[in-house]
Amino acid sequence: MVDKQIGNNKDDELIEDATELLKTGVFKNDLNLRKTITMFQRRFRIGWHRGFNLANVLHDRGLLVNPIVDEEISEELSK
């Protein structure tokens, strides 16, 4: 249970950091999904699945607004 809480805290921090970088314009909001995930992977040193989950959370919160990413996330989730 404690490991899950630590994981959730790390994810919350990751989401906060990514949100701040999107708002300040450090992260580009006009890339396709693969490039967006690669950007997250390089910045935060995370794997593909965690990068996808981060993109999905930011998309759900309305912070990652991009029609290309919207479509690609939907395709990826439908697999």
N, C-alpha and C. Protein backbone atom coordinates (compact mmCIF):
# COMPACT_ATOMS: atom_id res chain seq x y z
N MET A 1 0.83 -1.19 0.00
CA MET A 1 0.00 0.00 0.00
C MET A 1 0.88 1.25 0.00
N VAL A 2 1.95 1.24 0.78
CA VAL A 2 2.83 2.40 0.85
C VAL A 2 3.50 2.63 -0.50
N ASP A 3 3.91 1.53 -1.18
CA ASP A 3 4.54 1.67 -2.50
C ASP A 3 3.59 2.32 -3.49
N LYS A 4 2.31 1.97 -3.41
CA LYS A 4 1.32 2.55 -4.32
C LYS A 4 1.16 4.05 -4.03
N GLN A 5 1.18 4.44 -2.76
CA GLN A 5 1.08 5.86 -2.40
C GLN A 5 2.29 6.63 -2.90
N ILE A 6 3.47 6.04 -2.77
CA ILE A 6 4.69 6.68 -3.27
C ILE A 6 4.59 6.84 -4.78
N GLY A 7 4.11 5.79 -5.46
CA GLY A 7 3.93 5.86 -6.91
C GLY A 7 2.95 6.95 -7.30
N ASN A 8 1.85 7.07 -6.55
CA ASN A 8 0.86 8.10 -6.83
C ASN A 8 1.43 9.48 -6.60
N ASN A 9 2.23 9.65 -5.55
CA ASN A 9 2.85 10.95 -5.28
C ASN A 9 3.81 11.32 -6.40
N LYS A 10 4.58 10.35 -6.88
CA LYS A 10 5.51 10.62 -7.98
C LYS A 10 4.74 10.99 -9.25
N ASP A 11 3.64 10.28 -9.50
CA ASP A 11 2.82 10.59 -10.67
C ASP A 11 2.21 11.98 -10.56
N ASP A 12 1.74 12.34 -9.35
CA ASP A 12 1.18 13.67 -9.15
C ASP A 12 2.22 14.75 -9.42
N GLU A 13 3.44 14.53 -8.94
CA GLU A 13 4.53 15.49 -9.19
C GLU A 13 4.85 15.57 -10.67
N LEU A 14 4.85 14.43 -11.34
CA LEU A 14 5.11 14.37 -12.77
C LEU A 14 4.05 15.16 -13.54
N ILE A 15 2.80 14.98 -13.17
CA ILE A 15 1.70 15.70 -13.82
C ILE A 15 1.82 17.20 -13.57
N GLU A 16 2.14 17.57 -12.34
CA GLU A 16 2.31 19.00 -12.02
C GLU A 16 3.45 19.61 -12.83
N ASP A 17 4.57 18.91 -12.90
CA ASP A 17 5.72 19.43 -13.66
C ASP A 17 5.39 19.56 -15.14
N ALA A 18 4.75 18.55 -15.70
CA ALA A 18 4.40 18.59 -17.12
C ALA A 18 3.38 19.70 -17.40
N THR A 19 2.44 19.89 -16.48
CA THR A 19 1.45 20.96 -16.63
C THR A 19 2.12 22.31 -16.66
N GLU A 20 3.04 22.51 -15.75
CA GLU A 20 3.76 23.79 -15.69
C GLU A 20 4.57 24.02 -16.98
N LEU A 21 5.21 22.98 -17.47
CA LEU A 21 6.00 23.12 -18.70
C LEU A 21 5.12 23.37 -19.91
N LEU A 22 3.92 22.81 -19.94
CA LEU A 22 2.99 23.09 -21.03
C LEU A 22 2.50 24.53 -20.97
N LYS A 23 2.19 24.99 -19.76
CA LYS A 23 1.68 26.35 -19.59
C LYS A 23 2.73 27.41 -19.94
N THR A 24 3.99 27.12 -19.63
CA THR A 24 5.05 28.10 -19.90
C THR A 24 5.54 28.03 -21.34
N GLY A 25 5.12 27.01 -22.07
CA GLY A 25 5.52 26.89 -23.46
C GLY A 25 6.82 26.13 -23.68
N VAL A 26 7.39 25.57 -22.62
CA VAL A 26 8.61 24.77 -22.75
C VAL A 26 8.31 23.52 -23.56
N PHE A 27 7.16 22.90 -23.28
CA PHE A 27 6.70 21.76 -24.06
C PHE A 27 5.83 22.26 -25.19
N LYS A 28 6.06 21.71 -26.37
CA LYS A 28 5.24 22.06 -27.52
C LYS A 28 3.93 21.29 -27.44
N ASN A 29 2.87 21.97 -27.83
CA ASN A 29 1.54 21.37 -27.78
C ASN A 29 1.05 21.02 -29.18
N ASP A 30 1.95 21.04 -30.16
CA ASP A 30 1.52 20.82 -31.54
C ASP A 30 2.19 19.61 -32.19
N LEU A 31 2.63 18.67 -31.38
CA LEU A 31 3.32 17.48 -31.89
C LEU A 31 2.34 16.32 -32.01
N ASN A 32 2.76 15.28 -32.74
CA ASN A 32 1.93 14.07 -32.74
C ASN A 32 2.19 13.30 -31.44
N LEU A 33 1.44 12.24 -31.23
CA LEU A 33 1.51 11.51 -29.97
C LEU A 33 2.90 10.92 -29.73
N ARG A 34 3.49 10.30 -30.75
CA ARG A 34 4.80 9.68 -30.58
C ARG A 34 5.85 10.72 -30.16
N LYS A 35 5.85 11.87 -30.81
CA LYS A 35 6.82 12.92 -30.47
C LYS A 35 6.54 13.50 -29.08
N THR A 36 5.27 13.61 -28.73
CA THR A 36 4.90 14.10 -27.40
C THR A 36 5.41 13.15 -26.33
N ILE A 37 5.19 11.85 -26.52
CA ILE A 37 5.66 10.86 -25.55
C ILE A 37 7.18 10.87 -25.47
N THR A 38 7.84 10.96 -26.61
CA THR A 38 9.32 11.02 -26.62
C THR A 38 9.80 12.25 -25.85
N MET A 39 9.12 13.36 -26.00
CA MET A 39 9.48 14.58 -25.28
C MET A 39 9.35 14.35 -23.76
N PHE A 40 8.26 13.71 -23.35
CA PHE A 40 8.07 13.40 -21.93
C PHE A 40 9.14 12.42 -21.44
N GLN A 41 9.44 11.41 -22.25
CA GLN A 41 10.44 10.41 -21.87
C GLN A 41 11.80 11.07 -21.63
N ARG A 42 12.19 11.93 -22.51
CA ARG A 42 13.51 12.57 -22.39
C ARG A 42 13.56 13.53 -21.21
N ARG A 43 12.50 14.28 -21.01
CA ARG A 43 12.50 15.28 -19.94
C ARG A 43 12.45 14.62 -18.56
N PHE A 44 11.60 13.61 -18.43
CA PHE A 44 11.36 13.01 -17.11
C PHE A 44 12.01 11.65 -16.92
N ARG A 45 12.70 11.15 -17.94
CA ARG A 45 13.36 9.85 -17.87
C ARG A 45 12.39 8.75 -17.44
N ILE A 46 11.32 8.63 -18.25
CA ILE A 46 10.29 7.63 -17.99
C ILE A 46 10.14 6.75 -19.22
N GLY A 47 9.44 5.65 -19.07
CA GLY A 47 9.22 4.72 -20.17
C GLY A 47 8.05 5.14 -21.05
N TRP A 48 7.84 4.37 -22.12
CA TRP A 48 6.79 4.71 -23.08
C TRP A 48 5.41 4.67 -22.44
N HIS A 49 5.12 3.63 -21.67
CA HIS A 49 3.78 3.49 -21.08
C HIS A 49 3.48 4.62 -20.10
N ARG A 50 4.46 4.98 -19.32
CA ARG A 50 4.25 6.09 -18.38
C ARG A 50 4.11 7.41 -19.13
N GLY A 51 4.85 7.55 -20.22
CA GLY A 51 4.73 8.74 -21.06
C GLY A 51 3.36 8.83 -21.71
N PHE A 52 2.86 7.67 -22.17
CA PHE A 52 1.51 7.64 -22.75
C PHE A 52 0.47 7.98 -21.70
N ASN A 53 0.60 7.40 -20.51
CA ASN A 53 -0.35 7.69 -19.43
C ASN A 53 -0.33 9.17 -19.07
N LEU A 54 0.85 9.77 -19.05
CA LEU A 54 0.97 11.20 -18.76
C LEU A 54 0.27 12.01 -19.84
N ALA A 55 0.49 11.67 -21.10
CA ALA A 55 -0.17 12.37 -22.21
C ALA A 55 -1.69 12.22 -22.10
N ASN A 56 -2.14 11.04 -21.74
CA ASN A 56 -3.57 10.78 -21.62
C ASN A 56 -4.18 11.60 -20.48
N VAL A 57 -3.51 11.66 -19.34
CA VAL A 57 -4.01 12.44 -18.21
C VAL A 57 -4.06 13.93 -18.57
N LEU A 58 -3.00 14.43 -19.19
CA LEU A 58 -2.98 15.84 -19.57
C LEU A 58 -4.05 16.13 -20.61
N HIS A 59 -4.28 15.18 -21.50
CA HIS A 59 -5.34 15.33 -22.51
C HIS A 59 -6.70 15.37 -21.81
N ASP A 60 -6.95 14.45 -20.87
CA ASP A 60 -8.23 14.40 -20.15
C ASP A 60 -8.49 15.67 -19.35
N ARG A 61 -7.43 16.28 -18.86
CA ARG A 61 -7.57 17.52 -18.08
C ARG A 61 -7.66 18.77 -18.96
N GLY A 62 -7.58 18.55 -20.26
CA GLY A 62 -7.71 19.68 -21.18
C GLY A 62 -6.45 20.51 -21.32
N LEU A 63 -5.32 19.97 -20.90
CA LEU A 63 -4.06 20.70 -20.97
C LEU A 63 -3.28 20.38 -22.24
N LEU A 64 -3.46 19.20 -22.76
CA LEU A 64 -2.80 18.79 -23.99
C LEU A 64 -3.87 18.79 -25.07
N VAL A 65 -4.02 19.94 -25.71
CA VAL A 65 -5.10 20.14 -26.68
C VAL A 65 -4.49 20.13 -28.07
N ASN A 66 -4.74 19.02 -28.77
CA ASN A 66 -4.17 18.86 -30.09
C ASN A 66 -5.00 17.80 -30.82
N PRO A 67 -5.62 18.14 -31.94
CA PRO A 67 -6.47 17.16 -32.63
C PRO A 67 -5.72 15.90 -33.08
N ILE A 68 -4.46 16.05 -33.44
CA ILE A 68 -3.68 14.89 -33.85
C ILE A 68 -3.51 13.93 -32.68
N VAL A 69 -3.13 14.49 -31.52
CA VAL A 69 -2.95 13.67 -30.32
C VAL A 69 -4.28 13.07 -29.88
N ASP A 70 -5.36 13.84 -29.98
CA ASP A 70 -6.69 13.32 -29.61
C ASP A 70 -7.00 12.04 -30.38
N GLU A 71 -6.81 12.10 -31.68
CA GLU A 71 -7.12 10.96 -32.54
C GLU A 71 -6.20 9.77 -32.22
N GLU A 72 -4.91 10.06 -32.05
CA GLU A 72 -3.95 8.98 -31.80
C GLU A 72 -4.15 8.34 -30.44
N ILE A 73 -4.53 9.10 -29.43
CA ILE A 73 -4.83 8.54 -28.12
C ILE A 73 -6.05 7.62 -28.23
N SER A 74 -7.08 8.07 -28.93
CA SER A 74 -8.27 7.24 -29.11
C SER A 74 -7.92 5.93 -29.82
N GLU A 75 -7.10 6.02 -30.86
CA GLU A 75 -6.70 4.80 -31.58
C GLU A 75 -5.92 3.86 -30.67
N GLU A 76 -5.01 4.42 -29.87
CA GLU A 76 -4.17 3.61 -28.99
C GLU A 76 -5.02 2.94 -27.91
N LEU A 77 -6.00 3.65 -27.38
CA LEU A 77 -6.85 3.09 -26.33
C LEU A 77 -7.81 2.03 -26.87
N SER A 78 -8.13 2.11 -28.15
CA SER A 78 -9.07 1.14 -28.73
C SER A 78 -8.41 -0.19 -29.09
N LYS A 79 -7.07 -0.24 -29.02
CA LYS A 79 -6.35 -1.48 -29.35
C LYS A 79 -6.53 -2.52 -28.27
